[in-house]
Amino acid sequence: MESITGRNEGRRFWVADKRFYFSRWFAGKHRKMINFGCTRAPYYPPSPRCTKQRGFHHGLDIAMPCGTRLFAGLSGKVVRPRSPGSLGSAYGRLAFRLRNHRLDRDMVIGHVGRVYVRPGDRVRKGDLIARASDDGAPDGCHLHFEVRPKAGSYDQALKPRRVIDLRLRR
């Protein structure tokens, strides 16, 4: 919601899409908050990739209540925090990466509260890995889902669409 001062106060969704999606990565159906790519959301500094002084969001944010169960959508290994491509505080204190060697990709799972996996753990598709939180998030509870090349940094993030595999229930 934009106030009469022109500032965005209490705005949580920065997409026009009001549909609800399912994914093997989370329980229930939820809406997108911020898409991958150029965005008007105020949390990102202007990027040379974008027009109109917009910032670039390196993942996909999905709004969900705190405590929503998060699952491994792919099998993989939980990456050690200090290995190349480590995460900063913007992802929350308990954020982690899940590495899938077949795809040669790291999946960033950000803004989590309770975490059920530890660095070095091997997880199978469908395993409960964490619960959603608002830790490190200025706009409430959500899942930040990001796909990177193995050991890559946030500025190498790839479109997450195929990996998160959002589906509409018809």
N, C-alpha and C. Protein backbone atom coordinates (compact mmCIF):
# COMPACT_ATOMS: atom_id res chain seq x y z
N MET A 1 0.84 -1.17 0.00
CA MET A 1 0.00 0.00 0.00
C MET A 1 0.88 1.23 0.00
N GLU A 2 0.61 2.14 -0.90
CA GLU A 2 1.39 3.35 -0.94
C GLU A 2 0.66 4.41 -0.15
N SER A 3 1.38 5.09 0.73
CA SER A 3 0.76 6.12 1.55
C SER A 3 0.73 7.45 0.78
N ILE A 4 0.07 8.45 1.36
CA ILE A 4 0.00 9.75 0.70
C ILE A 4 1.37 10.43 0.66
N THR A 5 2.30 9.98 1.46
CA THR A 5 3.65 10.53 1.43
C THR A 5 4.45 9.95 0.28
N GLY A 6 3.90 8.92 -0.40
CA GLY A 6 4.61 8.31 -1.51
C GLY A 6 5.46 7.13 -1.09
N ARG A 7 5.59 6.91 0.20
CA ARG A 7 6.39 5.77 0.67
C ARG A 7 5.52 4.52 0.72
N ASN A 8 6.17 3.40 0.59
CA ASN A 8 5.44 2.12 0.67
C ASN A 8 5.49 1.64 2.10
N GLU A 9 4.38 1.74 2.79
CA GLU A 9 4.32 1.35 4.19
C GLU A 9 3.48 0.08 4.31
N GLY A 10 4.07 -0.95 4.83
CA GLY A 10 3.33 -2.18 5.04
C GLY A 10 3.11 -2.99 3.78
N ARG A 11 3.72 -2.60 2.69
CA ARG A 11 3.54 -3.36 1.45
C ARG A 11 4.39 -4.63 1.53
N ARG A 12 3.80 -5.74 1.17
CA ARG A 12 4.49 -7.02 1.26
C ARG A 12 4.64 -7.68 -0.09
N PHE A 13 3.71 -7.46 -0.99
CA PHE A 13 3.73 -8.12 -2.30
C PHE A 13 4.15 -7.13 -3.37
N TRP A 14 5.19 -7.50 -4.13
CA TRP A 14 5.73 -6.65 -5.18
C TRP A 14 5.54 -7.30 -6.54
N VAL A 15 4.48 -8.08 -6.68
CA VAL A 15 4.12 -8.73 -7.94
C VAL A 15 2.63 -8.49 -8.18
N ALA A 16 2.25 -8.49 -9.44
CA ALA A 16 0.83 -8.34 -9.78
C ALA A 16 0.08 -9.66 -9.63
N ASP A 17 0.79 -10.76 -9.66
CA ASP A 17 0.22 -12.11 -9.59
C ASP A 17 -0.40 -12.36 -8.21
N LYS A 18 -1.69 -12.59 -8.16
CA LYS A 18 -2.38 -12.85 -6.89
C LYS A 18 -2.78 -14.31 -6.74
N ARG A 19 -2.24 -15.16 -7.60
CA ARG A 19 -2.58 -16.59 -7.54
C ARG A 19 -1.76 -17.28 -6.45
N PHE A 20 -2.27 -18.44 -6.04
CA PHE A 20 -1.59 -19.25 -5.03
C PHE A 20 -0.94 -20.45 -5.70
N TYR A 21 0.26 -20.80 -5.24
CA TYR A 21 1.06 -21.85 -5.85
C TYR A 21 1.41 -22.95 -4.86
N PHE A 22 1.60 -24.13 -5.39
CA PHE A 22 2.11 -25.29 -4.65
C PHE A 22 3.51 -25.60 -5.17
N SER A 23 4.32 -26.24 -4.34
CA SER A 23 5.64 -26.70 -4.75
C SER A 23 6.07 -27.84 -3.83
N ARG A 24 6.92 -28.69 -4.34
CA ARG A 24 7.44 -29.77 -3.49
C ARG A 24 8.38 -29.23 -2.41
N TRP A 25 8.76 -27.94 -2.50
CA TRP A 25 9.67 -27.32 -1.53
C TRP A 25 8.96 -26.82 -0.27
N PHE A 26 7.64 -26.70 -0.29
CA PHE A 26 6.94 -26.18 0.88
C PHE A 26 5.54 -26.78 1.01
N ALA A 27 5.03 -26.74 2.24
CA ALA A 27 3.69 -27.24 2.53
C ALA A 27 2.66 -26.16 2.21
N GLY A 28 1.52 -26.56 1.70
CA GLY A 28 0.43 -25.63 1.47
C GLY A 28 0.54 -24.87 0.16
N LYS A 29 -0.33 -23.88 0.01
CA LYS A 29 -0.33 -23.04 -1.18
C LYS A 29 -0.07 -21.61 -0.75
N HIS A 30 0.77 -20.91 -1.52
CA HIS A 30 1.23 -19.59 -1.11
C HIS A 30 1.44 -18.68 -2.32
N ARG A 31 1.44 -17.39 -2.07
CA ARG A 31 1.62 -16.38 -3.11
C ARG A 31 3.07 -15.93 -3.23
N LYS A 32 3.43 -15.51 -4.43
CA LYS A 32 4.73 -14.89 -4.65
C LYS A 32 4.73 -13.50 -4.02
N MET A 33 5.87 -13.12 -3.43
CA MET A 33 6.03 -11.77 -2.88
C MET A 33 6.89 -10.91 -3.81
N ILE A 34 8.06 -11.46 -4.15
CA ILE A 34 9.00 -10.76 -5.01
C ILE A 34 9.56 -11.77 -6.00
N ASN A 35 9.48 -11.45 -7.27
CA ASN A 35 10.02 -12.33 -8.32
C ASN A 35 11.53 -12.21 -8.42
N PHE A 36 12.13 -13.15 -9.11
CA PHE A 36 13.53 -13.08 -9.49
C PHE A 36 13.67 -11.97 -10.53
N GLY A 37 14.71 -11.16 -10.41
CA GLY A 37 14.99 -10.15 -11.42
C GLY A 37 14.72 -8.74 -10.93
N CYS A 38 14.54 -7.84 -11.86
CA CYS A 38 14.33 -6.42 -11.56
C CYS A 38 13.03 -6.23 -10.80
N THR A 39 13.08 -5.39 -9.76
CA THR A 39 11.92 -5.20 -8.90
C THR A 39 11.84 -3.77 -8.38
N ARG A 40 10.62 -3.35 -8.06
CA ARG A 40 10.39 -2.05 -7.42
C ARG A 40 10.50 -2.16 -5.90
N ALA A 41 10.62 -3.35 -5.37
CA ALA A 41 10.72 -3.52 -3.92
C ALA A 41 11.88 -2.66 -3.41
N PRO A 42 11.69 -1.95 -2.30
CA PRO A 42 12.69 -0.98 -1.84
C PRO A 42 13.92 -1.56 -1.16
N TYR A 43 14.01 -2.86 -1.03
CA TYR A 43 15.10 -3.46 -0.26
C TYR A 43 16.39 -3.63 -1.05
N TYR A 44 16.37 -3.32 -2.34
CA TYR A 44 17.51 -3.61 -3.21
C TYR A 44 17.99 -2.32 -3.87
N PRO A 45 19.30 -2.06 -3.82
CA PRO A 45 19.82 -0.83 -4.43
C PRO A 45 19.67 -0.89 -5.96
N PRO A 46 19.61 0.26 -6.61
CA PRO A 46 19.49 0.28 -8.07
C PRO A 46 20.59 -0.58 -8.71
N SER A 47 20.20 -1.32 -9.73
CA SER A 47 21.13 -2.23 -10.41
C SER A 47 21.30 -1.78 -11.86
N PRO A 48 22.53 -1.87 -12.38
CA PRO A 48 22.75 -1.53 -13.79
C PRO A 48 22.01 -2.49 -14.74
N ARG A 49 21.57 -3.64 -14.22
CA ARG A 49 20.80 -4.59 -15.04
C ARG A 49 19.38 -4.11 -15.31
N CYS A 50 18.92 -3.17 -14.49
CA CYS A 50 17.52 -2.79 -14.49
C CYS A 50 17.32 -1.34 -14.95
N THR A 51 16.10 -1.04 -15.40
CA THR A 51 15.74 0.32 -15.78
C THR A 51 15.01 0.99 -14.62
N LYS A 52 14.79 2.28 -14.75
CA LYS A 52 14.00 3.06 -13.79
C LYS A 52 14.50 2.95 -12.35
N GLN A 53 15.81 2.84 -12.18
CA GLN A 53 16.42 2.78 -10.84
C GLN A 53 15.93 1.60 -10.01
N ARG A 54 15.50 0.54 -10.66
CA ARG A 54 15.03 -0.64 -9.92
C ARG A 54 16.21 -1.49 -9.45
N GLY A 55 15.96 -2.24 -8.40
CA GLY A 55 16.95 -3.16 -7.87
C GLY A 55 16.78 -4.54 -8.45
N PHE A 56 17.76 -5.40 -8.20
CA PHE A 56 17.71 -6.77 -8.72
C PHE A 56 17.60 -7.73 -7.55
N HIS A 57 16.58 -8.59 -7.59
CA HIS A 57 16.36 -9.60 -6.56
C HIS A 57 16.88 -10.93 -7.10
N HIS A 58 17.77 -11.56 -6.36
CA HIS A 58 18.49 -12.75 -6.83
C HIS A 58 17.77 -14.06 -6.57
N GLY A 59 16.60 -14.00 -5.98
CA GLY A 59 15.84 -15.22 -5.70
C GLY A 59 14.37 -15.01 -5.96
N LEU A 60 13.58 -15.88 -5.40
CA LEU A 60 12.12 -15.80 -5.48
C LEU A 60 11.61 -15.87 -4.05
N ASP A 61 10.81 -14.89 -3.64
CA ASP A 61 10.24 -14.89 -2.30
C ASP A 61 8.79 -15.35 -2.37
N ILE A 62 8.46 -16.31 -1.52
CA ILE A 62 7.12 -16.86 -1.43
C ILE A 62 6.59 -16.59 -0.01
N ALA A 63 5.50 -15.83 0.07
CA ALA A 63 4.90 -15.50 1.38
C ALA A 63 4.27 -16.75 1.99
N MET A 64 4.49 -16.92 3.28
CA MET A 64 3.89 -18.05 4.00
C MET A 64 3.94 -17.76 5.49
N PRO A 65 3.04 -18.35 6.25
CA PRO A 65 3.07 -18.14 7.70
C PRO A 65 4.35 -18.68 8.33
N CYS A 66 4.78 -18.02 9.39
CA CYS A 66 5.92 -18.53 10.14
C CYS A 66 5.61 -19.96 10.59
N GLY A 67 6.60 -20.81 10.49
CA GLY A 67 6.43 -22.20 10.89
C GLY A 67 6.03 -23.13 9.76
N THR A 68 5.75 -22.60 8.56
CA THR A 68 5.41 -23.46 7.43
C THR A 68 6.56 -24.44 7.17
N ARG A 69 6.20 -25.70 6.96
CA ARG A 69 7.21 -26.73 6.73
C ARG A 69 7.85 -26.57 5.35
N LEU A 70 9.18 -26.68 5.32
CA LEU A 70 9.95 -26.62 4.08
C LEU A 70 10.62 -27.98 3.86
N PHE A 71 10.57 -28.44 2.63
CA PHE A 71 11.08 -29.77 2.29
C PHE A 71 12.19 -29.67 1.24
N ALA A 72 13.01 -30.69 1.17
CA ALA A 72 14.00 -30.77 0.11
C ALA A 72 13.26 -31.15 -1.17
N GLY A 73 13.25 -30.25 -2.13
CA GLY A 73 12.61 -30.53 -3.41
C GLY A 73 13.47 -31.40 -4.30
N LEU A 74 14.75 -31.52 -3.94
CA LEU A 74 15.72 -32.36 -4.63
C LEU A 74 16.61 -33.00 -3.58
N SER A 75 17.24 -34.10 -3.92
CA SER A 75 18.22 -34.67 -3.00
C SER A 75 19.50 -33.84 -3.09
N GLY A 76 20.28 -33.90 -2.03
CA GLY A 76 21.53 -33.14 -2.04
C GLY A 76 22.23 -33.21 -0.71
N LYS A 77 23.22 -32.36 -0.58
CA LYS A 77 24.03 -32.30 0.63
C LYS A 77 24.01 -30.87 1.16
N VAL A 78 23.85 -30.73 2.47
CA VAL A 78 23.86 -29.41 3.09
C VAL A 78 25.30 -28.90 3.10
N VAL A 79 25.47 -27.71 2.54
CA VAL A 79 26.80 -27.13 2.35
C VAL A 79 27.31 -26.51 3.65
N ARG A 80 28.59 -26.64 3.89
CA ARG A 80 29.21 -26.03 5.06
C ARG A 80 29.15 -24.50 4.92
N PRO A 81 28.78 -23.78 5.99
CA PRO A 81 28.54 -22.34 5.90
C PRO A 81 29.71 -21.52 5.36
N ARG A 82 30.92 -21.86 5.69
CA ARG A 82 32.05 -21.02 5.30
C ARG A 82 32.68 -21.42 3.96
N SER A 83 32.09 -22.36 3.27
CA SER A 83 32.62 -22.76 1.96
C SER A 83 32.33 -21.66 0.94
N PRO A 84 33.02 -21.68 -0.22
CA PRO A 84 32.80 -20.65 -1.23
C PRO A 84 31.31 -20.48 -1.55
N GLY A 85 30.91 -19.21 -1.71
CA GLY A 85 29.51 -18.90 -1.97
C GLY A 85 28.71 -18.71 -0.70
N SER A 86 29.40 -18.48 0.43
CA SER A 86 28.71 -18.39 1.72
C SER A 86 27.67 -17.27 1.72
N LEU A 87 26.74 -17.37 2.66
CA LEU A 87 25.60 -16.46 2.73
C LEU A 87 25.84 -15.34 3.74
N GLY A 88 25.31 -14.18 3.45
CA GLY A 88 25.38 -13.05 4.37
C GLY A 88 24.16 -12.99 5.26
N SER A 89 24.15 -12.00 6.13
CA SER A 89 23.08 -11.87 7.13
C SER A 89 21.72 -11.53 6.52
N ALA A 90 21.66 -11.04 5.30
CA ALA A 90 20.38 -10.68 4.67
C ALA A 90 19.46 -11.89 4.50
N TYR A 91 20.02 -13.09 4.54
CA TYR A 91 19.23 -14.32 4.36
C TYR A 91 18.70 -14.85 5.69
N GLY A 92 19.10 -14.24 6.80
CA GLY A 92 18.73 -14.73 8.13
C GLY A 92 19.86 -15.55 8.72
N ARG A 93 19.86 -15.67 10.03
CA ARG A 93 20.95 -16.35 10.75
C ARG A 93 21.06 -17.83 10.46
N LEU A 94 19.95 -18.49 10.11
CA LEU A 94 19.96 -19.94 9.94
C LEU A 94 19.85 -20.39 8.48
N ALA A 95 19.94 -19.45 7.55
CA ALA A 95 19.86 -19.80 6.13
C ALA A 95 20.95 -20.79 5.77
N PHE A 96 20.68 -21.61 4.76
CA PHE A 96 21.67 -22.60 4.35
C PHE A 96 21.54 -22.90 2.86
N ARG A 97 22.53 -23.63 2.36
CA ARG A 97 22.53 -24.05 0.96
C ARG A 97 22.45 -25.57 0.89
N LEU A 98 21.69 -26.03 -0.07
CA LEU A 98 21.57 -27.45 -0.36
C LEU A 98 22.16 -27.67 -1.74
N ARG A 99 23.19 -28.50 -1.84
CA ARG A 99 23.89 -28.72 -3.11
C ARG A 99 23.41 -30.01 -3.77
N ASN A 100 22.99 -29.88 -5.02
CA ASN A 100 22.61 -31.03 -5.83
C ASN A 100 23.71 -31.22 -6.87
N HIS A 101 24.46 -32.31 -6.75
CA HIS A 101 25.60 -32.54 -7.65
C HIS A 101 25.17 -32.90 -9.06
N ARG A 102 24.03 -33.53 -9.21
CA ARG A 102 23.56 -33.88 -10.56
C ARG A 102 23.31 -32.63 -11.39
N LEU A 103 22.70 -31.61 -10.78
CA LEU A 103 22.44 -30.35 -11.48
C LEU A 103 23.63 -29.39 -11.41
N ASP A 104 24.59 -29.68 -10.52
CA ASP A 104 25.74 -28.80 -10.28
C ASP A 104 25.26 -27.43 -9.80
N ARG A 105 24.28 -27.45 -8.88
CA ARG A 105 23.65 -26.23 -8.38
C ARG A 105 23.55 -26.24 -6.86
N ASP A 106 23.55 -25.03 -6.30
CA ASP A 106 23.24 -24.82 -4.89
C ASP A 106 21.89 -24.14 -4.80
N MET A 107 21.04 -24.61 -3.91
CA MET A 107 19.77 -23.97 -3.64
C MET A 107 19.89 -23.28 -2.28
N VAL A 108 19.62 -21.99 -2.25
CA VAL A 108 19.66 -21.22 -1.01
C VAL A 108 18.27 -21.25 -0.40
N ILE A 109 18.21 -21.61 0.87
CA ILE A 109 16.97 -21.64 1.63
C ILE A 109 17.11 -20.56 2.70
N GLY A 110 16.44 -19.43 2.49
CA GLY A 110 16.63 -18.28 3.38
C GLY A 110 15.40 -17.95 4.19
N HIS A 111 15.61 -17.21 5.27
CA HIS A 111 14.58 -16.75 6.20
C HIS A 111 13.89 -17.95 6.86
N VAL A 112 14.71 -18.79 7.45
CA VAL A 112 14.19 -19.97 8.13
C VAL A 112 14.33 -19.82 9.64
N GLY A 113 13.46 -20.51 10.36
CA GLY A 113 13.52 -20.51 11.82
C GLY A 113 14.15 -21.82 12.25
N ARG A 114 13.33 -22.77 12.49
CA ARG A 114 13.83 -24.08 12.90
C ARG A 114 14.43 -24.81 11.71
N VAL A 115 15.62 -25.37 11.91
CA VAL A 115 16.32 -26.10 10.84
C VAL A 115 16.56 -27.53 11.33
N TYR A 116 16.24 -28.49 10.48
CA TYR A 116 16.34 -29.90 10.84
C TYR A 116 17.55 -30.60 10.23
N VAL A 117 18.38 -29.86 9.53
CA VAL A 117 19.56 -30.43 8.89
C VAL A 117 20.80 -29.67 9.35
N ARG A 118 21.95 -30.33 9.21
CA ARG A 118 23.22 -29.71 9.59
C ARG A 118 24.19 -29.79 8.42
N PRO A 119 25.19 -28.92 8.41
CA PRO A 119 26.20 -28.99 7.34
C PRO A 119 26.78 -30.40 7.23
N GLY A 120 26.86 -30.88 6.01
CA GLY A 120 27.37 -32.22 5.76
C GLY A 120 26.30 -33.28 5.63
N ASP A 121 25.09 -32.99 6.12
CA ASP A 121 23.99 -33.96 6.01
C ASP A 121 23.60 -34.18 4.55
N ARG A 122 23.29 -35.42 4.25
CA ARG A 122 22.70 -35.75 2.94
C ARG A 122 21.19 -35.84 3.14
N VAL A 123 20.47 -35.18 2.27
CA VAL A 123 19.01 -35.21 2.37
C VAL A 123 18.43 -35.81 1.10
N ARG A 124 17.27 -36.40 1.25
CA ARG A 124 16.56 -36.96 0.11
C ARG A 124 15.39 -36.07 -0.24
N LYS A 125 14.99 -36.13 -1.47
CA LYS A 125 13.82 -35.39 -1.93
C LYS A 125 12.65 -35.73 -1.00
N GLY A 126 11.98 -34.69 -0.49
CA GLY A 126 10.84 -34.90 0.39
C GLY A 126 11.16 -34.79 1.87
N ASP A 127 12.44 -34.80 2.25
CA ASP A 127 12.80 -34.69 3.67
C ASP A 127 12.44 -33.31 4.21
N LEU A 128 11.93 -33.26 5.43
CA LEU A 128 11.68 -32.00 6.12
C LEU A 128 13.03 -31.38 6.45
N ILE A 129 13.27 -30.14 5.99
CA ILE A 129 14.59 -29.52 6.20
C ILE A 129 14.54 -28.29 7.11
N ALA A 130 13.41 -27.58 7.14
CA ALA A 130 13.34 -26.35 7.95
C ALA A 130 11.89 -25.88 8.05
N ARG A 131 11.72 -24.76 8.74
CA ARG A 131 10.43 -24.09 8.83
C ARG A 131 10.63 -22.61 8.50
N ALA A 132 9.66 -22.03 7.81
CA ALA A 132 9.75 -20.63 7.39
C ALA A 132 9.76 -19.70 8.60
N SER A 133 10.38 -18.54 8.42
CA SER A 133 10.52 -17.56 9.48
C SER A 133 10.59 -16.17 8.87
N ASP A 134 10.67 -15.18 9.73
CA ASP A 134 10.91 -13.82 9.27
C ASP A 134 12.30 -13.35 9.67
N ASP A 135 13.16 -14.27 10.10
CA ASP A 135 14.51 -13.93 10.52
C ASP A 135 15.27 -13.28 9.36
N GLY A 136 15.70 -12.05 9.56
CA GLY A 136 16.44 -11.32 8.54
C GLY A 136 15.57 -10.73 7.45
N ALA A 137 14.25 -10.84 7.59
CA ALA A 137 13.33 -10.40 6.53
C ALA A 137 12.58 -9.13 6.97
N PRO A 138 12.65 -8.07 6.19
CA PRO A 138 11.95 -6.84 6.56
C PRO A 138 10.45 -6.88 6.29
N ASP A 139 9.98 -7.90 5.60
CA ASP A 139 8.59 -7.91 5.15
C ASP A 139 7.81 -9.16 5.57
N GLY A 140 8.17 -9.74 6.69
CA GLY A 140 7.41 -10.84 7.25
C GLY A 140 7.89 -12.22 6.82
N CYS A 141 7.20 -13.23 7.33
CA CYS A 141 7.59 -14.62 7.08
C CYS A 141 7.48 -14.97 5.61
N HIS A 142 8.51 -15.61 5.12
CA HIS A 142 8.51 -16.10 3.74
C HIS A 142 9.70 -17.00 3.51
N LEU A 143 9.66 -17.71 2.40
CA LEU A 143 10.78 -18.50 1.93
C LEU A 143 11.50 -17.70 0.87
N HIS A 144 12.79 -17.50 1.05
CA HIS A 144 13.63 -16.95 -0.02
C HIS A 144 14.28 -18.16 -0.67
N PHE A 145 14.00 -18.37 -1.93
CA PHE A 145 14.53 -19.52 -2.67
C PHE A 145 15.40 -18.99 -3.79
N GLU A 146 16.65 -19.42 -3.79
CA GLU A 146 17.63 -18.93 -4.76
C GLU A 146 18.40 -20.11 -5.33
N VAL A 147 18.71 -20.04 -6.61
CA VAL A 147 19.49 -21.09 -7.28
C VAL A 147 20.78 -20.46 -7.79
N ARG A 148 21.90 -21.10 -7.45
CA ARG A 148 23.22 -20.62 -7.87
C ARG A 148 24.00 -21.77 -8.50
N PRO A 149 25.01 -21.42 -9.31
CA PRO A 149 25.94 -22.48 -9.71
C PRO A 149 26.63 -23.00 -8.44
N LYS A 150 27.08 -24.22 -8.46
CA LYS A 150 27.77 -24.81 -7.31
C LYS A 150 28.87 -23.86 -6.82
N ALA A 151 28.83 -23.50 -5.53
CA ALA A 151 29.78 -22.61 -4.86
C ALA A 151 29.75 -21.19 -5.41
N GLY A 152 28.71 -20.83 -6.15
CA GLY A 152 28.59 -19.49 -6.71
C GLY A 152 28.07 -18.49 -5.70
N SER A 153 28.21 -17.22 -6.03
CA SER A 153 27.74 -16.15 -5.16
C SER A 153 26.38 -15.64 -5.64
N TYR A 154 25.80 -14.75 -4.85
CA TYR A 154 24.46 -14.25 -5.17
C TYR A 154 24.40 -13.56 -6.53
N ASP A 155 25.49 -12.91 -6.94
CA ASP A 155 25.46 -12.21 -8.23
C ASP A 155 25.53 -13.16 -9.42
N GLN A 156 25.65 -14.45 -9.16
CA GLN A 156 25.61 -15.47 -10.22
C GLN A 156 24.29 -16.25 -10.20
N ALA A 157 23.35 -15.78 -9.38
CA ALA A 157 22.07 -16.50 -9.22
C ALA A 157 21.37 -16.69 -10.56
N LEU A 158 20.69 -17.82 -10.66
CA LEU A 158 19.99 -18.21 -11.88
C LEU A 158 18.49 -18.17 -11.65
N LYS A 159 17.72 -18.08 -12.71
CA LYS A 159 16.26 -18.11 -12.57
C LYS A 159 15.87 -19.40 -11.86
N PRO A 160 15.10 -19.29 -10.78
CA PRO A 160 14.74 -20.48 -9.99
C PRO A 160 13.51 -21.22 -10.49
N ARG A 161 12.86 -20.74 -11.52
CA ARG A 161 11.56 -21.27 -11.93
C ARG A 161 11.53 -22.79 -12.10
N ARG A 162 12.46 -23.35 -12.84
CA ARG A 162 12.43 -24.81 -13.09
C ARG A 162 12.67 -25.62 -11.83
N VAL A 163 13.57 -25.13 -10.98
CA VAL A 163 13.93 -25.90 -9.79
C VAL A 163 12.82 -25.86 -8.74
N ILE A 164 12.20 -24.70 -8.53
CA ILE A 164 11.14 -24.62 -7.51
C ILE A 164 9.83 -25.21 -8.02
N ASP A 165 9.64 -25.23 -9.34
CA ASP A 165 8.51 -25.90 -9.96
C ASP A 165 7.17 -25.53 -9.31
N LEU A 166 6.85 -24.23 -9.36
CA LEU A 166 5.56 -23.78 -8.81
C LEU A 166 4.43 -24.28 -9.68
N ARG A 167 3.36 -24.73 -9.03
CA ARG A 167 2.19 -25.24 -9.75
C ARG A 167 0.93 -24.61 -9.20
N LEU A 168 0.01 -24.33 -10.10
CA LEU A 168 -1.31 -23.84 -9.73
C LEU A 168 -2.25 -25.02 -9.60
N ARG A 169 -3.13 -24.98 -8.63
CA ARG A 169 -4.17 -26.02 -8.55
C ARG A 169 -5.35 -25.52 -9.36
N ARG A 170 -5.79 -26.32 -10.28
CA ARG A 170 -6.90 -25.90 -11.15
C ARG A 170 -8.18 -26.57 -10.72
